[in-house]
Amino acid sequence: MNPLAGWSLGTGIAAILPCCCWTVILPAASIALGAIALSQIKQNPNQGGRSMAIAGIVLGSISLLMGVIFWIMAILNPIDPNQLPHGFPFPR
C-alpha cells in the first residue's frame, strides 16, 4: 500500500470534521497527497491504495468546497450584535 494514500485519506477525514471545515491547509494537503499517491500508484501498479487516495481527494475537495461556502456566507452576512438575544456572549 502506498503510504501517501493513507495520509491522504487521514487528512481528508480530519478536514471534513466540523471544527476544521473552514481551514485550507488540511483539504489542500489531502488533495495534494492523494494526487501524488495516484501518480506513484500509476507508475508502480503493484502498490495498493488507489481507492484510499481517491477517497482522500474527494473528502479534501468536499471540505474545501464547504470552507469556501462558509467564508462566502460569513462575508456576505456579517453578524449584527444588535440582533443577538440578550445575554449572548458577544462584545457589543
C-alpha atoms as a PDB file:
ATOM      1  CA  MET A   1       0.000   0.000   0.000  1.00  0.00           C
ATOM      2  CA  ASN A   2       1.198   3.487  -0.793  1.00  0.00           C
ATOM      3  CA  PRO A   3       1.725   5.432   2.470  1.00  0.00           C
ATOM      4  CA  LEU A   4       0.736   8.736   0.853  1.00  0.00           C
ATOM      5  CA  ALA A   5      -2.674   7.243   0.065  1.00  0.00           C
ATOM      6  CA  GLY A   6      -3.181   6.558   3.764  1.00  0.00           C
ATOM      7  CA  TRP A   7      -2.070  10.074   4.664  1.00  0.00           C
ATOM      8  CA  SER A   8      -4.409  11.487   2.033  1.00  0.00           C
ATOM      9  CA  LEU A   9      -7.357   9.605   3.500  1.00  0.00           C
ATOM     10  CA  GLY A  10      -6.396  10.576   7.062  1.00  0.00           C
ATOM     11  CA  THR A  11      -6.082  14.270   6.290  1.00  0.00           C
ATOM     12  CA  GLY A  12      -9.297  14.097   4.268  1.00  0.00           C
ATOM     13  CA  ILE A  13     -11.174  12.658   7.244  1.00  0.00           C
ATOM     14  CA  ALA A  14      -9.667  15.266   9.578  1.00  0.00           C
ATOM     15  CA  ALA A  15     -10.538  18.050   7.125  1.00  0.00           C
ATOM     16  CA  ILE A  16     -14.186  17.046   6.888  1.00  0.00           C
ATOM     17  CA  LEU A  17     -14.734  17.334  10.657  1.00  0.00           C
ATOM     18  CA  PRO A  18     -16.871  20.362  11.569  1.00  0.00           C
ATOM     19  CA  CYS A  19     -14.114  22.002  13.612  1.00  0.00           C
ATOM     20  CA  CYS A  20     -11.779  22.029  10.602  1.00  0.00           C
ATOM     21  CA  CYS A  21     -14.114  22.596   7.677  1.00  0.00           C
ATOM     22  CA  TRP A  22     -13.128  26.216   7.057  1.00  0.00           C
ATOM     23  CA  THR A  23      -9.379  25.770   7.042  1.00  0.00           C
ATOM     24  CA  VAL A  24      -7.498  25.470   3.797  1.00  0.00           C
ATOM     25  CA  ILE A  25      -4.434  23.553   4.948  1.00  0.00           C
ATOM     26  CA  LEU A  26      -5.922  20.095   5.564  1.00  0.00           C
ATOM     27  CA  PRO A  27      -8.083  19.942   2.430  1.00  0.00           C
ATOM     28  CA  ALA A  28      -5.190  21.141   0.264  1.00  0.00           C
ATOM     29  CA  ALA A  29      -2.853  18.593   1.863  1.00  0.00           C
ATOM     30  CA  SER A  30      -5.395  15.822   1.321  1.00  0.00           C
ATOM     31  CA  ILE A  31      -5.849  16.689  -2.345  1.00  0.00           C
ATOM     32  CA  ALA A  32      -2.097  17.046  -2.961  1.00  0.00           C
ATOM     33  CA  LEU A  33      -1.183  13.822  -1.150  1.00  0.00           C
ATOM     34  CA  GLY A  34      -3.907  11.933  -2.998  1.00  0.00           C
ATOM     35  CA  ALA A  35      -2.727  13.227  -6.362  1.00  0.00           C
ATOM     36  CA  ILE A  36       0.890  12.306  -5.629  1.00  0.00           C
ATOM     37  CA  ALA A  37      -0.190   8.858  -4.397  1.00  0.00           C
ATOM     38  CA  LEU A  38      -2.223   8.242  -7.563  1.00  0.00           C
ATOM     39  CA  SER A  39       0.770   9.250  -9.669  1.00  0.00           C
ATOM     40  CA  GLN A  40       3.045   6.856  -7.779  1.00  0.00           C
ATOM     41  CA  ILE A  41       0.491   4.036  -7.986  1.00  0.00           C
ATOM     42  CA  LYS A  42       0.170   4.599 -11.740  1.00  0.00           C
ATOM     43  CA  GLN A  43       3.958   4.275 -12.114  1.00  0.00           C
ATOM     44  CA  ASN A  44       4.047   1.123  -9.961  1.00  0.00           C
ATOM     45  CA  PRO A  45       0.765  -0.827 -10.355  1.00  0.00           C
ATOM     46  CA  ASN A  46       1.844  -3.364  -7.709  1.00  0.00           C
ATOM     47  CA  GLN A  47       1.233  -0.766  -4.999  1.00  0.00           C
ATOM     48  CA  GLY A  48      -2.203  -0.688  -3.437  1.00  0.00           C
ATOM     49  CA  GLY A  49      -4.129   2.241  -2.033  1.00  0.00           C
ATOM     50  CA  ARG A  50      -5.740   3.674  -5.156  1.00  0.00           C
ATOM     51  CA  SER A  51      -9.201   3.806  -3.580  1.00  0.00           C
ATOM     52  CA  MET A  52      -7.800   5.406  -0.422  1.00  0.00           C
ATOM     53  CA  ALA A  53      -6.110   8.116  -2.472  1.00  0.00           C
ATOM     54  CA  ILE A  54      -9.318   8.784  -4.397  1.00  0.00           C
ATOM     55  CA  ALA A  55     -11.315   8.931  -1.151  1.00  0.00           C
ATOM     56  CA  GLY A  56      -8.804  11.422   0.281  1.00  0.00           C
ATOM     57  CA  ILE A  57      -9.102  13.614  -2.801  1.00  0.00           C
ATOM     58  CA  VAL A  58     -12.909  13.503  -2.643  1.00  0.00           C
ATOM     59  CA  LEU A  59     -13.025  14.301   1.102  1.00  0.00           C
ATOM     60  CA  GLY A  60     -10.492  17.106   0.687  1.00  0.00           C
ATOM     61  CA  SER A  61     -12.470  18.568  -2.214  1.00  0.00           C
ATOM     62  CA  ILE A  62     -15.746  18.443  -0.275  1.00  0.00           C
ATOM     63  CA  SER A  63     -14.109  20.061   2.746  1.00  0.00           C
ATOM     64  CA  LEU A  64     -12.524  22.783   0.611  1.00  0.00           C
ATOM     65  CA  LEU A  65     -15.895  23.490  -1.016  1.00  0.00           C
ATOM     66  CA  MET A  66     -17.548  23.665   2.423  1.00  0.00           C
ATOM     67  CA  GLY A  67     -14.880  26.099   3.577  1.00  0.00           C
ATOM     68  CA  VAL A  68     -15.315  28.351   0.543  1.00  0.00           C
ATOM     69  CA  ILE A  69     -19.103  28.372   1.010  1.00  0.00           C
ATOM     70  CA  PHE A  70     -18.659  29.109   4.740  1.00  0.00           C
ATOM     71  CA  TRP A  71     -16.407  32.113   4.109  1.00  0.00           C
ATOM     72  CA  ILE A  72     -18.617  33.478   1.327  1.00  0.00           C
ATOM     73  CA  MET A  73     -21.625  33.287   3.652  1.00  0.00           C
ATOM     74  CA  ALA A  74     -19.653  34.830   6.519  1.00  0.00           C
ATOM     75  CA  ILE A  75     -18.511  37.752   4.374  1.00  0.00           C
ATOM     76  CA  LEU A  76     -21.903  38.378   2.785  1.00  0.00           C
ATOM     77  CA  ASN A  77     -23.883  38.006   6.043  1.00  0.00           C
ATOM     78  CA  PRO A  78     -21.892  39.538   8.908  1.00  0.00           C
ATOM     79  CA  ILE A  79     -23.205  39.166  12.470  1.00  0.00           C
ATOM     80  CA  ASP A  80     -25.104  42.186  13.728  1.00  0.00           C
ATOM     81  CA  PRO A  81     -24.662  42.324  17.525  1.00  0.00           C
ATOM     82  CA  ASN A  82     -27.981  44.166  17.914  1.00  0.00           C
ATOM     83  CA  GLN A  83     -29.916  41.190  16.518  1.00  0.00           C
ATOM     84  CA  LEU A  84     -28.480  38.683  19.014  1.00  0.00           C
ATOM     85  CA  PRO A  85     -30.548  37.619  22.041  1.00  0.00           C
ATOM     86  CA  HIS A  86     -29.909  39.460  25.305  1.00  0.00           C
ATOM     87  CA  GLY A  87     -27.124  37.809  27.274  1.00  0.00           C
ATOM     88  CA  PHE A  88     -25.457  36.269  24.237  1.00  0.00           C
ATOM     89  CA  PRO A  89     -21.678  36.306  24.826  1.00  0.00           C
ATOM     90  CA  PHE A  90     -20.741  38.690  22.065  1.00  0.00           C
ATOM     91  CA  PRO A  91     -18.988  42.032  22.545  1.00  0.00           C
ATOM     92  CA  ARG A  92     -21.332  44.934  21.977  1.00  0.00           C
END
